[in-house]
Amino acid sequence: MILDGRSDAMTTRTLVGTYSAGYDLSPAYSRLNITASAFVGGAGVLATGVATVTNHGRIDSGPRAKGGGVGYAGISLMAGGAVANDRIVAGGQGGGAGVVGGAGGAGGIGIEIANAGSVDNNGHIHGGRGGGGGPAAPSELSGAGGRWRRGRRYRGLRDRRQFTVDHRRCGSRW
């Protein structure tokens, strides 16, 4: 088929199989067809030029490494374009904190179109889960303090007498 003097086969890339690291569409191609048997993981699908992506397969972006980074987008069209989805597009999980008390990264979005574009969805589009936060600081580091007696903590109170007074005031049983 000839479009504007160019062969359609020269500007269309078709994916069949597994692309576990993700797929970067070269700016020389303006269309990407993902067949029903194709799987794209890792960094998802990235197009730096204007592109049309037709998805009949599965795009499931992988998680980010530790450090709290935002998860990968399922499809990123950095110069705009269009997406037609019949199956599954999922953003990647955010990176874990990796440090004590740190925040995990936000999950990646399903489809990102940085310029003008459109989405025709007849399947499922999901954002990724947020990354896990860092472990809590041990009480001797966090300043939470508190006294222990028979395995129960007085929640940072100065002594048992203060606990007893507070206990009677609120009417709860220990």
Protein backbone atom coordinates (compact mmCIF):
# COMPACT_ATOMS: atom_id res chain seq x y z
CA MET A 1 0.00 0.00 0.00
CA ILE A 2 1.33 3.44 -0.92
CA LEU A 3 0.70 6.46 1.35
CA ASP A 4 2.00 9.90 0.37
CA GLY A 5 4.53 8.34 -1.98
CA ARG A 6 5.97 6.05 0.74
CA SER A 7 5.48 2.34 1.17
CA ASP A 8 3.39 1.54 4.29
CA ALA A 9 5.63 -1.47 4.98
CA MET A 10 8.63 0.84 5.33
CA THR A 11 7.02 2.87 8.14
CA THR A 12 5.30 0.06 10.07
CA ARG A 13 7.03 -2.17 12.60
CA THR A 14 5.30 -5.36 13.79
CA LEU A 15 6.22 -7.07 17.07
CA VAL A 16 5.87 -10.83 17.47
CA GLY A 17 7.36 -12.59 20.49
CA THR A 18 8.74 -11.41 23.83
CA TYR A 19 10.52 -8.11 24.45
CA SER A 20 11.33 -8.39 28.16
CA ALA A 21 13.49 -5.23 28.29
CA GLY A 22 10.88 -3.05 26.53
CA TYR A 23 10.84 -1.67 23.01
CA ASP A 24 12.04 1.68 21.62
CA LEU A 25 10.37 2.54 18.31
CA SER A 26 12.83 4.21 15.95
CA PRO A 27 11.71 7.61 14.61
CA ALA A 28 12.05 6.07 11.12
CA TYR A 29 8.80 4.18 11.86
CA SER A 30 5.49 5.94 12.35
CA ARG A 31 3.41 2.86 13.23
CA LEU A 32 3.83 -0.02 15.64
CA ASN A 33 1.62 -3.11 15.53
CA ILE A 34 1.83 -5.45 18.51
CA THR A 35 0.39 -8.87 17.64
CA ALA A 36 -1.74 -11.01 19.96
CA SER A 37 1.22 -13.31 20.68
CA ALA A 38 3.57 -10.45 21.62
CA PHE A 39 4.60 -9.45 25.14
CA VAL A 40 6.46 -6.24 26.03
CA GLY A 41 7.86 -5.84 29.55
CA GLY A 42 10.70 -3.84 31.08
CA ALA A 43 10.54 -0.17 30.15
CA GLY A 44 7.37 -0.64 28.04
CA VAL A 45 6.97 0.90 24.59
CA LEU A 46 8.72 4.21 23.91
CA ALA A 47 8.33 6.28 20.75
CA THR A 48 10.29 9.52 20.43
CA GLY A 49 8.68 10.47 17.10
CA VAL A 50 4.97 10.89 16.31
CA ALA A 51 3.59 7.35 16.21
CA THR A 52 0.45 5.23 16.08
CA VAL A 53 0.54 2.15 18.31
CA THR A 54 -1.94 -0.68 17.79
CA ASN A 55 -1.87 -3.19 20.65
CA HIS A 56 -3.37 -6.67 20.34
CA GLY A 57 -0.87 -8.19 22.77
CA ARG A 58 0.21 -7.51 26.34
CA ILE A 59 2.31 -4.59 27.57
CA ASP A 60 3.28 -4.98 31.21
CA SER A 61 6.05 -2.61 32.24
CA GLY A 62 8.45 -3.85 34.86
CA PRO A 63 9.24 -2.27 38.21
CA ARG A 64 11.91 0.34 38.79
CA ALA A 65 14.97 -0.44 40.85
CA LYS A 66 15.25 0.73 44.45
CA GLY A 67 15.65 4.42 45.04
CA GLY A 68 12.01 5.54 44.94
CA GLY A 69 11.82 6.19 41.18
CA VAL A 70 8.50 6.48 39.36
CA GLY A 71 7.46 3.27 37.58
CA TYR A 72 7.77 2.94 33.81
CA ALA A 73 4.78 3.91 31.64
CA GLY A 74 3.21 1.10 29.59
CA ILE A 75 3.28 3.19 26.39
CA SER A 76 5.09 6.56 26.09
CA LEU A 77 4.50 8.67 22.98
CA MET A 78 6.92 11.53 23.54
CA ALA A 79 6.01 13.50 20.39
CA GLY A 80 2.32 12.61 20.37
CA GLY A 81 0.31 10.19 18.30
CA ALA A 82 -2.46 7.65 18.78
CA VAL A 83 -2.99 4.38 20.64
CA ALA A 84 -5.53 1.68 19.77
CA ASN A 85 -5.68 -0.95 22.52
CA ASP A 86 -7.57 -4.25 22.38
CA ARG A 87 -5.79 -6.11 25.18
CA ILE A 88 -3.74 -5.04 28.22
CA VAL A 89 -1.48 -2.06 28.90
CA ALA A 90 -0.07 -1.75 32.43
CA GLY A 91 2.35 0.73 33.97
CA GLY A 92 5.21 -0.54 36.10
CA GLN A 93 5.49 -0.58 39.86
CA GLY A 94 7.32 2.30 41.50
CA GLY A 95 10.74 1.70 42.99
CA GLY A 96 11.12 0.78 46.64
CA ALA A 97 12.61 3.35 48.99
CA GLY A 98 15.83 1.51 49.75
CA VAL A 99 16.54 3.69 52.83
CA VAL A 100 15.20 3.65 56.37
CA GLY A 101 12.02 5.73 56.55
CA GLY A 102 12.14 6.66 52.83
CA ALA A 103 9.13 6.91 50.54
CA GLY A 104 8.56 4.52 47.64
CA GLY A 105 8.11 5.79 44.09
CA ALA A 106 4.74 6.31 42.41
CA GLY A 107 3.47 3.66 40.02
CA GLY A 108 3.86 4.27 36.29
CA ILE A 109 0.89 5.35 34.19
CA GLY A 110 -0.61 3.06 31.59
CA ILE A 111 -0.37 5.39 28.58
CA GLU A 112 1.56 8.65 28.39
CA ILE A 113 1.09 11.01 25.45
CA ALA A 114 3.37 14.03 25.84
CA ASN A 115 1.90 16.02 22.94
CA ALA A 116 -1.42 15.94 21.08
CA GLY A 117 -2.87 12.47 20.68
CA SER A 118 -5.75 10.09 21.23
CA VAL A 119 -6.53 6.73 22.81
CA ASP A 120 -9.09 4.21 21.51
CA ASN A 121 -9.44 1.61 24.26
CA ASN A 122 -11.35 -1.66 23.92
CA GLY A 123 -9.18 -3.51 26.44
CA HIS A 124 -7.68 -2.72 29.84
CA ILE A 125 -5.33 0.09 30.83
CA HIS A 126 -3.83 0.03 34.34
CA GLY A 127 -1.42 2.20 36.26
CA GLY A 128 1.32 0.54 38.28
CA ARG A 129 1.36 0.12 42.06
CA GLY A 130 3.41 2.44 44.19
CA GLY A 131 6.76 1.22 45.49
CA GLY A 132 7.17 0.11 49.08
CA GLY A 133 8.43 2.54 51.65
CA GLY A 134 11.64 2.00 53.55
CA PRO A 135 11.72 0.04 56.78
CA ALA A 136 10.77 1.85 59.97
CA ALA A 137 13.57 3.13 62.15
CA PRO A 138 14.24 1.10 65.30
CA SER A 139 12.84 2.81 68.42
CA GLU A 140 16.30 3.63 69.76
CA LEU A 141 16.95 5.62 66.56
CA SER A 142 13.55 7.24 66.12
CA GLY A 143 13.28 8.76 69.59
CA ALA A 144 9.98 6.97 70.21
CA GLY A 145 11.36 5.79 73.57
CA GLY A 146 8.94 4.36 76.06
CA ARG A 147 9.26 1.88 78.91
CA TRP A 148 8.53 -1.81 78.84
CA ARG A 149 6.95 -3.84 81.63
CA ARG A 150 5.85 -7.44 81.21
CA GLY A 151 6.04 -7.07 77.42
CA ARG A 152 3.75 -4.02 77.27
CA ARG A 153 4.85 -0.57 76.32
CA TYR A 154 3.84 2.58 78.14
CA ARG A 155 3.83 4.56 74.89
CA GLY A 156 6.58 7.02 75.81
CA LEU A 157 5.13 7.91 79.21
CA ARG A 158 7.55 8.88 81.94
CA ASP A 159 6.52 6.26 84.50
CA ARG A 160 3.80 3.81 85.49
CA ARG A 161 2.00 6.36 87.67
CA GLN A 162 1.32 8.57 84.67
CA PHE A 163 0.05 5.52 82.76
CA THR A 164 -2.27 4.62 85.64
CA VAL A 165 -3.70 8.15 85.74
CA ASP A 166 -4.26 8.18 81.98
CA HIS A 167 -5.70 4.66 82.16
CA ARG A 168 -8.32 5.71 84.71
CA ARG A 169 -9.15 8.87 82.79
CA CYS A 170 -10.02 7.12 79.54
CA GLY A 171 -11.79 4.18 81.22
CA SER A 172 -10.09 1.48 79.16
CA ARG A 173 -8.75 -1.78 80.58
CA TRP A 174 -5.18 -2.79 80.29
